[in-house]
Each structure stands twice: as structure tokens, then as C-alpha cells.
C-alpha atoms as a PDB file:
ATOM      1  CA  MET A   1      26.007 -16.320   0.421  1.00  0.00           C
ATOM      2  CA  VAL A   2      22.331 -15.483   0.004  1.00  0.00           C
ATOM      3  CA  ASP A   3      20.909 -12.624  -2.032  1.00  0.00           C
ATOM      4  CA  ASN A   4      17.388 -11.931  -0.771  1.00  0.00           C
ATOM      5  CA  ASN A   5      16.745  -8.948  -3.153  1.00  0.00           C
ATOM      6  CA  HIS A   6      14.011  -9.293  -5.604  1.00  0.00           C
ATOM      7  CA  PRO A   7      15.343  -9.931  -9.134  1.00  0.00           C
ATOM      8  CA  LEU A   8      14.080  -6.497 -10.239  1.00  0.00           C
ATOM      9  CA  ALA A   9      15.759  -4.672  -7.364  1.00  0.00           C
ATOM     10  CA  GLY A  10      17.783  -1.738  -8.729  1.00  0.00           C
ATOM     11  CA  PHE A  11      15.736  -1.488 -12.012  1.00  0.00           C
ATOM     12  CA  GLN A  12      13.600   1.447 -12.825  1.00  0.00           C
ATOM     13  CA  LEU A  13       9.935   0.335 -12.988  1.00  0.00           C
ATOM     14  CA  ASN A  14       7.128   2.260 -14.621  1.00  0.00           C
ATOM     15  CA  PHE A  15       3.436   1.528 -14.012  1.00  0.00           C
ATOM     16  CA  ALA A  16       0.485   2.644 -15.883  1.00  0.00           C
ATOM     17  CA  VAL A  17      -2.592   2.888 -13.610  1.00  0.00           C
ATOM     18  CA  GLU A  18      -6.192   4.042 -13.908  1.00  0.00           C
ATOM     19  CA  VAL A  19      -8.009   5.303 -10.791  1.00  0.00           C
ATOM     20  CA  THR A  20     -11.510   3.863 -11.007  1.00  0.00           C
ATOM     21  CA  GLY A  21     -12.885   5.271  -7.798  1.00  0.00           C
ATOM     22  CA  VAL A  22     -12.328   7.240  -4.638  1.00  0.00           C
ATOM     23  CA  ARG A  23     -13.973   7.380  -1.278  1.00  0.00           C
ATOM     24  CA  GLU A  24     -13.858   9.558   1.800  1.00  0.00           C
ATOM     25  CA  ALA A  25     -11.624   8.344   4.561  1.00  0.00           C
ATOM     26  CA  THR A  26     -13.409   6.724   7.620  1.00  0.00           C
ATOM     27  CA  LYS A  27     -13.099   8.303  11.051  1.00  0.00           C
ATOM     28  CA  THR A  28     -10.770   5.492  12.217  1.00  0.00           C
ATOM     29  CA  GLU A  29      -8.523   6.006   9.100  1.00  0.00           C
ATOM     30  CA  LEU A  30      -8.263   9.689   9.877  1.00  0.00           C
ATOM     31  CA  GLU A  31      -7.407   8.962  13.493  1.00  0.00           C
ATOM     32  CA  HIS A  32      -4.851   6.376  12.723  1.00  0.00           C
ATOM     33  CA  GLY A  33      -3.352   8.170   9.644  1.00  0.00           C
ATOM     34  CA  HIS A  34      -3.623   5.279   7.318  1.00  0.00           C
ATOM     35  CA  VAL A  35      -6.049   3.158   5.192  1.00  0.00           C
ATOM     36  CA  HIS A  36      -7.934   0.311   6.888  1.00  0.00           C
ATOM     37  CA  ASP A  37      -9.113  -2.599   4.642  1.00  0.00           C
ATOM     38  CA  GLY A  38     -11.226  -4.267   7.330  1.00  0.00           C
ATOM     39  CA  ASN A  39      -8.671  -6.956   7.980  1.00  0.00           C
ATOM     40  CA  GLU A  40      -6.408  -4.982  10.345  1.00  0.00           C
ATOM     41  CA  HIS A  41      -6.312  -5.544  14.011  1.00  0.00           C
ATOM     42  CA  HIS A  42      -4.789  -3.019  16.396  1.00  0.00           C
ATOM     43  CA  GLY A  43      -3.907  -4.280  19.784  1.00  0.00           C
END
């Protein structure tokens, strides 16, 4: 039997984050409906 769940699966996780900047979405991101990081390839 193999359990492929992460050891923290099922635990409540809380994250503290700080947004350090925002930018406008590119035309391509708006067309595709998601963020592009420059490394994505659509075929």
C-alpha cells in the first residue's frame, strides 16, 4: 500500500503574505484567462 498524500494533507494551513506589487494583465493573459510567466507554451 502506498500513500501518495503530502504529510500535511488534511491539516489546516495558515499563510501570512505581503503583496509587494501588482501589474496589469497582458492581452494574452486576458485572452487565455490565466497568468503567463513567460515559460508557458501553448500548442
